[in-house]
């Protein structure tokens, strides 16, 4: 885990400070995190409700794993389960990419 142990002091006007603070609040971030991400050129994405989608995606993944196990045991016949898993993985990868950009 990275430890942020360096401090940078900058000077700005009252208006600039207020604008940065307002934008950080709008993004649900602390001012230092907002300034750091902006300075490093990272995208700041508001992904409201994404955690719920990820939770549901995990539940679907668990169900797919159970179906896969049952199909491999010959207890059920599932048509095109490999394609379904591939699509699920693609969606999961997209969600993961968005989360990496947000963090």
PDB file of N, CA and C in Angstrom:
ATOM      1  N   UNK A   1       0.843  -1.179   0.000  1.00  0.00           N
ATOM      2  CA  UNK A   1       0.000   0.000   0.000  1.00  0.00           C
ATOM      3  C   UNK A   1       0.887   1.241   0.000  1.00  0.00           C
ATOM      4  N   UNK A   2       0.509   2.198  -0.829  1.00  0.00           N
ATOM      5  CA  UNK A   2       1.273   3.440  -0.891  1.00  0.00           C
ATOM      6  C   UNK A   2       0.939   4.317   0.301  1.00  0.00           C
ATOM      7  N   UNK A   3       1.960   4.978   0.789  1.00  0.00           N
ATOM      8  CA  UNK A   3       1.738   5.933   1.863  1.00  0.00           C
ATOM      9  C   UNK A   3       2.081   7.311   1.330  1.00  0.00           C
ATOM     10  N   UNK A   4       1.154   8.194   1.426  1.00  0.00           N
ATOM     11  CA  UNK A   4       1.395   9.561   0.973  1.00  0.00           C
ATOM     12  C   UNK A   4       2.049  10.323   2.115  1.00  0.00           C
ATOM     13  N   UNK A   5       3.335  10.578   1.951  1.00  0.00           N
ATOM     14  CA  UNK A   5       4.065  11.234   3.028  1.00  0.00           C
ATOM     15  C   UNK A   5       4.728  12.541   2.589  1.00  0.00           C
ATOM     16  N   UNK A   6       4.390  13.032   1.423  1.00  0.00           N
ATOM     17  CA  UNK A   6       4.928  14.299   0.929  1.00  0.00           C
ATOM     18  C   UNK A   6       3.826  15.348   0.945  1.00  0.00           C
ATOM     19  N   UNK A   7       4.197  16.574   1.264  1.00  0.00           N
ATOM     20  CA  UNK A   7       3.241  17.674   1.331  1.00  0.00           C
ATOM     21  C   UNK A   7       3.592  18.712   0.282  1.00  0.00           C
ATOM     22  N   UNK A   8       2.566  19.225  -0.387  1.00  0.00           N
ATOM     23  CA  UNK A   8       2.748  20.299  -1.358  1.00  0.00           C
ATOM     24  C   UNK A   8       1.858  21.453  -0.913  1.00  0.00           C
ATOM     25  N   UNK A   9       2.452  22.618  -0.760  1.00  0.00           N
ATOM     26  CA  UNK A   9       1.678  23.812  -0.407  1.00  0.00           C
ATOM     27  C   UNK A   9       1.550  24.667  -1.662  1.00  0.00           C
ATOM     28  N   UNK A  10       0.338  25.101  -1.952  1.00  0.00           N
ATOM     29  CA  UNK A  10       0.131  25.974  -3.109  1.00  0.00           C
ATOM     30  C   UNK A  10      -0.586  27.237  -2.650  1.00  0.00           C
ATOM     31  N   UNK A  11      -0.409  28.276  -3.425  1.00  0.00           N
ATOM     32  CA  UNK A  11      -1.104  29.532  -3.132  1.00  0.00           C
ATOM     33  C   UNK A  11      -2.187  29.718  -4.181  1.00  0.00           C
ATOM     34  N   UNK A  12      -3.329  30.178  -3.721  1.00  0.00           N
ATOM     35  CA  UNK A  12      -4.431  30.449  -4.638  1.00  0.00           C
ATOM     36  C   UNK A  12      -5.275  31.566  -4.047  1.00  0.00           C
ATOM     37  N   UNK A  13      -6.114  32.124  -4.886  1.00  0.00           N
ATOM     38  CA  UNK A  13      -7.005  33.179  -4.405  1.00  0.00           C
ATOM     39  C   UNK A  13      -8.159  32.545  -3.639  1.00  0.00           C
ATOM     40  N   UNK A  14      -8.873  33.376  -2.924  1.00  0.00           N
ATOM     41  CA  UNK A  14     -10.053  32.899  -2.195  1.00  0.00           C
ATOM     42  C   UNK A  14     -11.057  32.272  -3.165  1.00  0.00           C
ATOM     43  N   UNK A  15     -11.236  32.928  -4.317  1.00  0.00           N
ATOM     44  CA  UNK A  15     -12.172  32.420  -5.319  1.00  0.00           C
ATOM     45  C   UNK A  15     -11.713  31.064  -5.857  1.00  0.00           C
ATOM     46  N   UNK A  16     -10.428  30.927  -6.174  1.00  0.00           N
ATOM     47  CA  UNK A  16      -9.907  29.650  -6.677  1.00  0.00           C
ATOM     48  C   UNK A  16     -10.083  28.552  -5.641  1.00  0.00           C
ATOM     49  N   UNK A  17      -9.792  28.888  -4.391  1.00  0.00           N
ATOM     50  CA  UNK A  17      -9.945  27.913  -3.306  1.00  0.00           C
ATOM     51  C   UNK A  17     -11.401  27.460  -3.197  1.00  0.00           C
ATOM     52  N   UNK A  18     -12.311  28.419  -3.212  1.00  0.00           N
ATOM     53  CA  UNK A  18     -13.733  28.088  -3.092  1.00  0.00           C
ATOM     54  C   UNK A  18     -14.211  27.241  -4.268  1.00  0.00           C
ATOM     55  N   UNK A  19     -13.742  27.569  -5.473  1.00  0.00           N
ATOM     56  CA  UNK A  19     -14.133  26.799  -6.655  1.00  0.00           C
ATOM     57  C   UNK A  19     -13.609  25.369  -6.579  1.00  0.00           C
ATOM     58  N   UNK A  20     -12.354  25.198  -6.156  1.00  0.00           N
ATOM     59  CA  UNK A  20     -11.795  23.843  -6.029  1.00  0.00           C
ATOM     60  C   UNK A  20     -12.544  23.055  -4.962  1.00  0.00           C
ATOM     61  N   UNK A  21     -12.814  23.720  -3.845  1.00  0.00           N
ATOM     62  CA  UNK A  21     -13.525  23.055  -2.754  1.00  0.00           C
ATOM     63  C   UNK A  21     -14.926  22.632  -3.196  1.00  0.00           C
ATOM     64  N   UNK A  22     -15.617  23.516  -3.915  1.00  0.00           N
ATOM     65  CA  UNK A  22     -16.968  23.213  -4.394  1.00  0.00           C
ATOM     66  C   UNK A  22     -16.946  22.027  -5.353  1.00  0.00           C
ATOM     67  N   UNK A  23     -15.990  22.030  -6.284  1.00  0.00           N
ATOM     68  CA  UNK A  23     -15.901  20.930  -7.248  1.00  0.00           C
ATOM     69  C   UNK A  23     -15.570  19.615  -6.554  1.00  0.00           C
ATOM     70  N   UNK A  24     -14.703  19.669  -5.554  1.00  0.00           N
ATOM     71  CA  UNK A  24     -14.370  18.452  -4.805  1.00  0.00           C
ATOM     72  C   UNK A  24     -15.620  17.908  -4.114  1.00  0.00           C
ATOM     73  N   UNK A  25     -16.393  18.794  -3.484  1.00  0.00           N
ATOM     74  CA  UNK A  25     -17.633  18.365  -2.817  1.00  0.00           C
ATOM     75  C   UNK A  25     -18.621  17.779  -3.819  1.00  0.00           C
ATOM     76  N   UNK A  26     -18.726  18.417  -5.003  1.00  0.00           N
ATOM     77  CA  UNK A  26     -19.638  17.917  -6.036  1.00  0.00           C
ATOM     78  C   UNK A  26     -19.285  16.495  -6.452  1.00  0.00           C
ATOM     79  N   UNK A  27     -18.003  16.169  -6.380  1.00  0.00           N
ATOM     80  CA  UNK A  27     -17.541  14.831  -6.751  1.00  0.00           C
ATOM     81  C   UNK A  27     -17.459  13.902  -5.547  1.00  0.00           C
ATOM     82  N   UNK A  28     -17.858  14.403  -4.372  1.00  0.00           N
ATOM     83  CA  UNK A  28     -17.834  13.580  -3.171  1.00  0.00           C
ATOM     84  C   UNK A  28     -16.425  13.235  -2.722  1.00  0.00           C
ATOM     85  N   UNK A  29     -15.505  14.166  -2.928  1.00  0.00           N
ATOM     86  CA  UNK A  29     -14.104  13.903  -2.613  1.00  0.00           C
ATOM     87  C   UNK A  29     -13.565  14.941  -1.637  1.00  0.00           C
ATOM     88  N   UNK A  30     -12.487  14.558  -0.942  1.00  0.00           N
ATOM     89  CA  UNK A  30     -11.751  15.533  -0.152  1.00  0.00           C
ATOM     90  C   UNK A  30     -10.980  16.417  -1.124  1.00  0.00           C
ATOM     91  N   UNK A  31     -10.713  17.645  -0.709  1.00  0.00           N
ATOM     92  CA  UNK A  31     -10.012  18.590  -1.575  1.00  0.00           C
ATOM     93  C   UNK A  31      -8.662  18.036  -2.015  1.00  0.00           C
ATOM     94  N   UNK A  32      -7.912  17.448  -1.097  1.00  0.00           N
ATOM     95  CA  UNK A  32      -6.581  16.937  -1.451  1.00  0.00           C
ATOM     96  C   UNK A  32      -6.676  15.830  -2.504  1.00  0.00           C
ATOM     97  N   UNK A  33      -7.641  14.924  -2.364  1.00  0.00           N
ATOM     98  CA  UNK A  33      -7.807  13.856  -3.355  1.00  0.00           C
ATOM     99  C   UNK A  33      -8.215  14.423  -4.710  1.00  0.00           C
ATOM    100  N   UNK A  34      -9.118  15.403  -4.683  1.00  0.00           N
ATOM    101  CA  UNK A  34      -9.571  16.021  -5.927  1.00  0.00           C
ATOM    102  C   UNK A  34      -8.413  16.702  -6.654  1.00  0.00           C
ATOM    103  N   UNK A  35      -7.635  17.500  -5.925  1.00  0.00           N
ATOM    104  CA  UNK A  35      -6.513  18.218  -6.534  1.00  0.00           C
ATOM    105  C   UNK A  35      -5.476  17.229  -7.053  1.00  0.00           C
ATOM    106  N   UNK A  36      -5.183  16.193  -6.285  1.00  0.00           N
ATOM    107  CA  UNK A  36      -4.192  15.202  -6.696  1.00  0.00           C
ATOM    108  C   UNK A  36      -4.630  14.474  -7.965  1.00  0.00           C
ATOM    109  N   UNK A  37      -5.858  14.009  -7.995  1.00  0.00           N
ATOM    110  CA  UNK A  37      -6.353  13.295  -9.182  1.00  0.00           C
ATOM    111  C   UNK A  37      -6.380  14.206 -10.406  1.00  0.00           C
ATOM    112  N   UNK A  38      -6.813  15.438 -10.207  1.00  0.00           N
ATOM    113  CA  UNK A  38      -6.860  16.382 -11.319  1.00  0.00           C
ATOM    114  C   UNK A  38      -5.455  16.667 -11.837  1.00  0.00           C
ATOM    115  N   UNK A  39      -4.517  16.892 -10.930  1.00  0.00           N
ATOM    116  CA  UNK A  39      -3.140  17.196 -11.329  1.00  0.00           C
ATOM    117  C   UNK A  39      -2.487  16.021 -12.052  1.00  0.00           C
ATOM    118  N   UNK A  40      -2.864  14.800 -11.681  1.00  0.00           N
ATOM    119  CA  UNK A  40      -2.286  13.613 -12.311  1.00  0.00           C
ATOM    120  C   UNK A  40      -3.029  13.205 -13.580  1.00  0.00           C
ATOM    121  N   UNK A  41      -4.037  13.987 -13.952  1.00  0.00           N
ATOM    122  CA  UNK A  41      -4.760  13.725 -15.194  1.00  0.00           C
ATOM    123  C   UNK A  41      -5.710  12.546 -15.129  1.00  0.00           C
ATOM    124  N   UNK A  42      -6.085  12.135 -13.923  1.00  0.00           N
ATOM    125  CA  UNK A  42      -7.019  11.016 -13.797  1.00  0.00           C
ATOM    126  C   UNK A  42      -8.443  11.509 -14.012  1.00  0.00           C
ATOM    127  N   UNK A  43      -9.257  10.644 -14.591  1.00  0.00           N
ATOM    128  CA  UNK A  43     -10.658  10.978 -14.794  1.00  0.00           C
ATOM    129  C   UNK A  43     -11.374  10.936 -13.455  1.00  0.00           C
ATOM    130  N   UNK A  44     -12.261  11.885 -13.264  1.00  0.00           N
ATOM    131  CA  UNK A  44     -13.101  11.882 -12.071  1.00  0.00           C
ATOM    132  C   UNK A  44     -14.500  11.553 -12.545  1.00  0.00           C
ATOM    133  N   UNK A  45     -14.960  10.382 -12.167  1.00  0.00           N
ATOM    134  CA  UNK A  45     -16.241   9.880 -12.644  1.00  0.00           C
ATOM    135  C   UNK A  45     -17.167   9.679 -11.454  1.00  0.00           C
ATOM    136  N   UNK A  46     -18.358  10.198 -11.573  1.00  0.00           N
ATOM    137  CA  UNK A  46     -19.373   9.953 -10.557  1.00  0.00           C
ATOM    138  C   UNK A  46     -20.173   8.746 -11.020  1.00  0.00           C
ATOM    139  N   UNK A  47     -20.106   7.692 -10.259  1.00  0.00           N
ATOM    140  CA  UNK A  47     -20.768   6.446 -10.641  1.00  0.00           C
ATOM    141  C   UNK A  47     -21.762   6.056  -9.555  1.00  0.00           C
ATOM    142  N   UNK A  48     -22.803   6.870  -9.415  1.00  0.00           N
ATOM    143  CA  UNK A  48     -23.808   6.592  -8.396  1.00  0.00           C
ATOM    144  C   UNK A  48     -24.497   5.271  -8.698  1.00  0.00           C
ATOM    145  N   UNK A  49     -24.670   4.468  -7.677  1.00  0.00           N
ATOM    146  CA  UNK A  49     -25.356   3.198  -7.828  1.00  0.00           C
ATOM    147  C   UNK A  49     -24.486   2.087  -8.375  1.00  0.00           C
ATOM    148  N   UNK A  50     -23.230   2.387  -8.690  1.00  0.00           N
ATOM    149  CA  UNK A  50     -22.363   1.366  -9.270  1.00  0.00           C
ATOM    150  C   UNK A  50     -22.107   0.230  -8.290  1.00  0.00           C
ATOM    151  N   UNK A  51     -22.016   0.543  -7.010  1.00  0.00           N
ATOM    152  CA  UNK A  51     -21.776  -0.509  -6.021  1.00  0.00           C
ATOM    153  C   UNK A  51     -22.920  -1.522  -6.008  1.00  0.00           C
ATOM    154  N   UNK A  52     -24.150  -1.043  -6.189  1.00  0.00           N
ATOM    155  CA  UNK A  52     -25.291  -1.961  -6.261  1.00  0.00           C
ATOM    156  C   UNK A  52     -25.183  -2.860  -7.487  1.00  0.00           C
ATOM    157  N   UNK A  53     -24.755  -2.274  -8.604  1.00  0.00           N
ATOM    158  CA  UNK A  53     -24.591  -3.060  -9.831  1.00  0.00           C
ATOM    159  C   UNK A  53     -23.512  -4.120  -9.629  1.00  0.00           C
ATOM    160  N   UNK A  54     -22.422  -3.739  -8.998  1.00  0.00           N
ATOM    161  CA  UNK A  54     -21.333  -4.688  -8.750  1.00  0.00           C
ATOM    162  C   UNK A  54     -21.815  -5.813  -7.833  1.00  0.00           C
ATOM    163  N   UNK A  55     -22.575  -5.477  -6.811  1.00  0.00           N
ATOM    164  CA  UNK A  55     -23.103  -6.490  -5.887  1.00  0.00           C
ATOM    165  C   UNK A  55     -24.012  -7.468  -6.643  1.00  0.00           C
ATOM    166  N   UNK A  56     -24.867  -6.930  -7.506  1.00  0.00           N
ATOM    167  CA  UNK A  56     -25.745  -7.790  -8.297  1.00  0.00           C
ATOM    168  C   UNK A  56     -24.940  -8.639  -9.273  1.00  0.00           C
ATOM    169  N   UNK A  57     -23.908  -8.040  -9.842  1.00  0.00           N
ATOM    170  CA  UNK A  57     -23.051  -8.770 -10.779  1.00  0.00           C
ATOM    171  C   UNK A  57     -22.380  -9.947 -10.069  1.00  0.00           C
ATOM    172  N   UNK A  58     -21.949  -9.725  -8.841  1.00  0.00           N
ATOM    173  CA  UNK A  58     -21.336 -10.814  -8.067  1.00  0.00           C
ATOM    174  C   UNK A  58     -22.342 -11.929  -7.801  1.00  0.00           C
ATOM    175  N   UNK A  59     -23.573 -11.547  -7.476  1.00  0.00           N
ATOM    176  CA  UNK A  59     -24.607 -12.555  -7.228  1.00  0.00           C
ATOM    177  C   UNK A  59     -24.865 -13.374  -8.490  1.00  0.00           C
ATOM    178  N   UNK A  60     -24.906 -12.697  -9.636  1.00  0.00           N
ATOM    179  CA  UNK A  60     -25.097 -13.404 -10.906  1.00  0.00           C
ATOM    180  C   UNK A  60     -23.923 -14.347 -11.151  1.00  0.00           C
ATOM    181  N   UNK A  61     -22.725 -13.871 -10.856  1.00  0.00           N
ATOM    182  CA  UNK A  61     -21.535 -14.713 -11.018  1.00  0.00           C
ATOM    183  C   UNK A  61     -21.607 -15.957 -10.155  1.00  0.00           C
ATOM    184  N   UNK A  62     -22.070 -15.792  -8.927  1.00  0.00           N
ATOM    185  CA  UNK A  62     -22.224 -16.959  -8.049  1.00  0.00           C
ATOM    186  C   UNK A  62     -23.229 -17.946  -8.633  1.00  0.00           C
ATOM    187  N   UNK A  63     -24.331 -17.413  -9.154  1.00  0.00           N
ATOM    188  CA  UNK A  63     -25.330 -18.286  -9.777  1.00  0.00           C
ATOM    189  C   UNK A  63     -24.750 -19.014 -10.987  1.00  0.00           C
ATOM    190  N   UNK A  64     -23.969 -18.296 -11.796  1.00  0.00           N
ATOM    191  CA  UNK A  64     -23.340 -18.930 -12.956  1.00  0.00           C
ATOM    192  C   UNK A  64     -22.382 -20.039 -12.524  1.00  0.00           C
ATOM    193  N   UNK A  65     -21.646 -19.791 -11.455  1.00  0.00           N
ATOM    194  CA  UNK A  65     -20.732 -20.824 -10.955  1.00  0.00           C
ATOM    195  C   UNK A  65     -21.501 -22.068 -10.513  1.00  0.00           C
ATOM    196  N   UNK A  66     -22.625 -21.865  -9.846  1.00  0.00           N
ATOM    197  CA  UNK A  66     -23.439 -22.999  -9.414  1.00  0.00           C
ATOM    198  C   UNK A  66     -23.993 -23.760 -10.614  1.00  0.00           C
ATOM    199  N   UNK A  67     -24.468 -23.011 -11.629  1.00  0.00           N
ATOM    200  CA  UNK A  67     -24.976 -23.659 -12.839  1.00  0.00           C
ATOM    201  C   UNK A  67     -23.871 -24.437 -13.553  1.00  0.00           C
ATOM    202  N   UNK A  68     -22.691 -23.850 -13.601  1.00  0.00           N
ATOM    203  CA  UNK A  68     -21.560 -24.517 -14.249  1.00  0.00           C
ATOM    204  C   UNK A  68     -21.238 -25.823 -13.533  1.00  0.00           C
ATOM    205  N   UNK A  69     -21.215 -25.775 -12.215  1.00  0.00           N
ATOM    206  CA  UNK A  69     -20.918 -26.979 -11.436  1.00  0.00           C
ATOM    207  C   UNK A  69     -21.967 -28.059 -11.695  1.00  0.00           C
ATOM    208  N   UNK A  70     -23.240 -27.670 -11.668  1.00  0.00           N
ATOM    209  CA  UNK A  70     -24.311 -28.637 -11.914  1.00  0.00           C
ATOM    210  C   UNK A  70     -24.244 -29.200 -13.330  1.00  0.00           C
ATOM    211  N   UNK A  71     -23.918 -28.347 -14.296  1.00  0.00           N
ATOM    212  CA  UNK A  71     -23.810 -28.815 -15.682  1.00  0.00           C
ATOM    213  C   UNK A  71     -22.645 -29.782 -15.828  1.00  0.00           C
ATOM    214  N   UNK A  72     -21.521 -29.472 -15.190  1.00  0.00           N
ATOM    215  CA  UNK A  72     -20.357 -30.359 -15.258  1.00  0.00           C
ATOM    216  C   UNK A  72     -20.621 -31.700 -14.579  1.00  0.00           C
ATOM    217  N   UNK A  73     -21.491 -31.709 -13.589  1.00  0.00           N
ATOM    218  CA  UNK A  73     -21.850 -32.944 -12.901  1.00  0.00           C
ATOM    219  C   UNK A  73     -22.922 -33.722 -13.663  1.00  0.00           C
ATOM    220  N   UNK A  74     -23.446 -33.121 -14.731  1.00  0.00           N
ATOM    221  CA  UNK A  74     -24.466 -33.781 -15.531  1.00  0.00           C
ATOM    222  C   UNK A  74     -25.855 -33.711 -14.930  1.00  0.00           C
ATOM    223  N   UNK A  75     -26.030 -32.895 -13.905  1.00  0.00           N
ATOM    224  CA  UNK A  75     -27.332 -32.798 -13.250  1.00  0.00           C
ATOM    225  C   UNK A  75     -28.309 -31.918 -14.025  1.00  0.00           C
ATOM    226  N   UNK A  76     -27.784 -30.972 -14.814  1.00  0.00           N
ATOM    227  CA  UNK A  76     -28.641 -30.129 -15.645  1.00  0.00           C
ATOM    228  C   UNK A  76     -27.986 -29.962 -17.009  1.00  0.00           C
ATOM    229  N   UNK A  77     -28.798 -29.622 -17.988  1.00  0.00           N
ATOM    230  CA  UNK A  77     -28.296 -29.303 -19.322  1.00  0.00           C
ATOM    231  C   UNK A  77     -28.471 -27.808 -19.535  1.00  0.00           C
ATOM    232  N   UNK A  78     -27.375 -27.131 -19.776  1.00  0.00           N
ATOM    233  CA  UNK A  78     -27.415 -25.692 -19.996  1.00  0.00           C
ATOM    234  C   UNK A  78     -26.899 -25.423 -21.397  1.00  0.00           C
ATOM    235  N   UNK A  79     -27.668 -24.680 -22.161  1.00  0.00           N
ATOM    236  CA  UNK A  79     -27.280 -24.363 -23.528  1.00  0.00           C
ATOM    237  C   UNK A  79     -26.379 -23.137 -23.524  1.00  0.00           C
ATOM    238  N   UNK A  80     -25.226 -23.238 -24.152  1.00  0.00           N
ATOM    239  CA  UNK A  80     -24.314 -22.118 -24.374  1.00  0.00           C
ATOM    240  C   UNK A  80     -23.882 -21.427 -23.083  1.00  0.00           C
ATOM    241  N   UNK A  81     -23.577 -22.195 -22.065  1.00  0.00           N
ATOM    242  CA  UNK A  81     -23.139 -21.627 -20.792  1.00  0.00           C
ATOM    243  C   UNK A  81     -21.800 -20.918 -20.944  1.00  0.00           C
ATOM    244  N   UNK A  82     -20.926 -21.421 -21.813  1.00  0.00           N
ATOM    245  CA  UNK A  82     -19.621 -20.781 -22.010  1.00  0.00           C
ATOM    246  C   UNK A  82     -19.780 -19.366 -22.560  1.00  0.00           C
ATOM    247  N   UNK A  83     -20.700 -19.185 -23.490  1.00  0.00           N
ATOM    248  CA  UNK A  83     -20.937 -17.854 -24.052  1.00  0.00           C
ATOM    249  C   UNK A  83     -21.484 -16.915 -22.980  1.00  0.00           C
ATOM    250  N   UNK A  84     -22.362 -17.438 -22.119  1.00  0.00           N
ATOM    251  CA  UNK A  84     -22.935 -16.633 -21.051  1.00  0.00           C
ATOM    252  C   UNK A  84     -21.841 -16.185 -20.078  1.00  0.00           C
ATOM    253  N   UNK A  85     -20.955 -17.096 -19.741  1.00  0.00           N
ATOM    254  CA  UNK A  85     -19.858 -16.770 -18.826  1.00  0.00           C
ATOM    255  C   UNK A  85     -18.923 -15.749 -19.467  1.00  0.00           C
ATOM    256  N   UNK A  86     -18.670 -15.891 -20.755  1.00  0.00           N
ATOM    257  CA  UNK A  86     -17.801 -14.948 -21.461  1.00  0.00           C
ATOM    258  C   UNK A  86     -18.406 -13.543 -21.444  1.00  0.00           C
ATOM    259  N   UNK A  87     -19.704 -13.437 -21.689  1.00  0.00           N
ATOM    260  CA  UNK A  87     -20.372 -12.137 -21.659  1.00  0.00           C
ATOM    261  C   UNK A  87     -20.358 -11.549 -20.254  1.00  0.00           C
ATOM    262  N   UNK A  88     -20.608 -12.392 -19.263  1.00  0.00           N
ATOM    263  CA  UNK A  88     -20.572 -11.943 -17.871  1.00  0.00           C
ATOM    264  C   UNK A  88     -19.185 -11.398 -17.534  1.00  0.00           C
ATOM    265  N   UNK A  89     -18.159 -12.101 -17.962  1.00  0.00           N
ATOM    266  CA  UNK A  89     -16.787 -11.663 -17.700  1.00  0.00           C
ATOM    267  C   UNK A  89     -16.489 -10.329 -18.368  1.00  0.00           C
ATOM    268  N   UNK A  90     -16.989 -10.140 -19.577  1.00  0.00           N
ATOM    269  CA  UNK A  90     -16.762  -8.881 -20.289  1.00  0.00           C
ATOM    270  C   UNK A  90     -17.406  -7.717 -19.541  1.00  0.00           C
ATOM    271  N   UNK A  91     -18.628  -7.920 -19.054  1.00  0.00           N
ATOM    272  CA  UNK A  91     -19.309  -6.867 -18.295  1.00  0.00           C
ATOM    273  C   UNK A  91     -18.565  -6.593 -16.996  1.00  0.00           C
ATOM    274  N   UNK A  92     -18.123  -7.642 -16.337  1.00  0.00           N
ATOM    275  CA  UNK A  92     -17.368  -7.482 -15.098  1.00  0.00           C
ATOM    276  C   UNK A  92     -16.083  -6.706 -15.346  1.00  0.00           C
ATOM    277  N   UNK A  93     -15.406  -6.992 -16.445  1.00  0.00           N
ATOM    278  CA  UNK A  93     -14.180  -6.266 -16.781  1.00  0.00           C
ATOM    279  C   UNK A  93     -14.459  -4.781 -16.999  1.00  0.00           C
ATOM    280  N   UNK A  94     -15.572  -4.473 -17.656  1.00  0.00           N
ATOM    281  CA  UNK A  94     -15.924  -3.069 -17.884  1.00  0.00           C
ATOM    282  C   UNK A  94     -16.201  -2.356 -16.562  1.00  0.00           C
ATOM    283  N   UNK A  95     -16.919  -3.014 -15.673  1.00  0.00           N
ATOM    284  CA  UNK A  95     -17.205  -2.419 -14.364  1.00  0.00           C
ATOM    285  C   UNK A  95     -15.904  -2.216 -13.596  1.00  0.00           C
ATOM    286  N   UNK A  96     -15.027  -3.194 -13.642  1.00  0.00           N
ATOM    287  CA  UNK A  96     -13.743  -3.085 -12.946  1.00  0.00           C
ATOM    288  C   UNK A  96     -12.924  -1.919 -13.480  1.00  0.00           C
ATOM    289  N   UNK A  97     -12.945  -1.720 -14.781  1.00  0.00           N
ATOM    290  CA  UNK A  97     -12.204  -0.610 -15.388  1.00  0.00           C
ATOM    291  C   UNK A  97     -12.745   0.728 -14.897  1.00  0.00           C
ATOM    292  N   UNK A  98     -14.067   0.854 -14.840  1.00  0.00           N
ATOM    293  CA  UNK A  98     -14.669   2.093 -14.339  1.00  0.00           C
ATOM    294  C   UNK A  98     -14.266   2.315 -12.890  1.00  0.00           C
ATOM    295  N   UNK A  99     -14.297   1.261 -12.088  1.00  0.00           N
ATOM    296  CA  UNK A  99     -13.921   1.391 -10.680  1.00  0.00           C
ATOM    297  C   UNK A  99     -12.456   1.793 -10.528  1.00  0.00           C
ATOM    298  N   UNK A 100     -11.576   1.246 -11.367  1.00  0.00           N
ATOM    299  CA  UNK A 100     -10.155   1.630 -11.297  1.00  0.00           C
ATOM    300  C   UNK A 100      -9.984   3.110 -11.612  1.00  0.00           C
ATOM    301  N   UNK A 101     -10.748   3.614 -12.581  1.00  0.00           N
ATOM    302  CA  UNK A 101     -10.654   5.028 -12.937  1.00  0.00           C
ATOM    303  C   UNK A 101     -11.180   5.918 -11.823  1.00  0.00           C
ATOM    304  N   UNK A 102     -12.181   5.427 -11.104  1.00  0.00           N
ATOM    305  CA  UNK A 102     -12.780   6.213 -10.031  1.00  0.00           C
ATOM    306  C   UNK A 102     -11.849   6.291  -8.837  1.00  0.00           C
ATOM    307  N   UNK A 103     -11.153   5.215  -8.540  1.00  0.00           N
ATOM    308  CA  UNK A 103     -10.302   5.165  -7.343  1.00  0.00           C
ATOM    309  C   UNK A 103      -9.048   5.918  -7.515  1.00  0.00           C
TER     310      UNK A 103
END
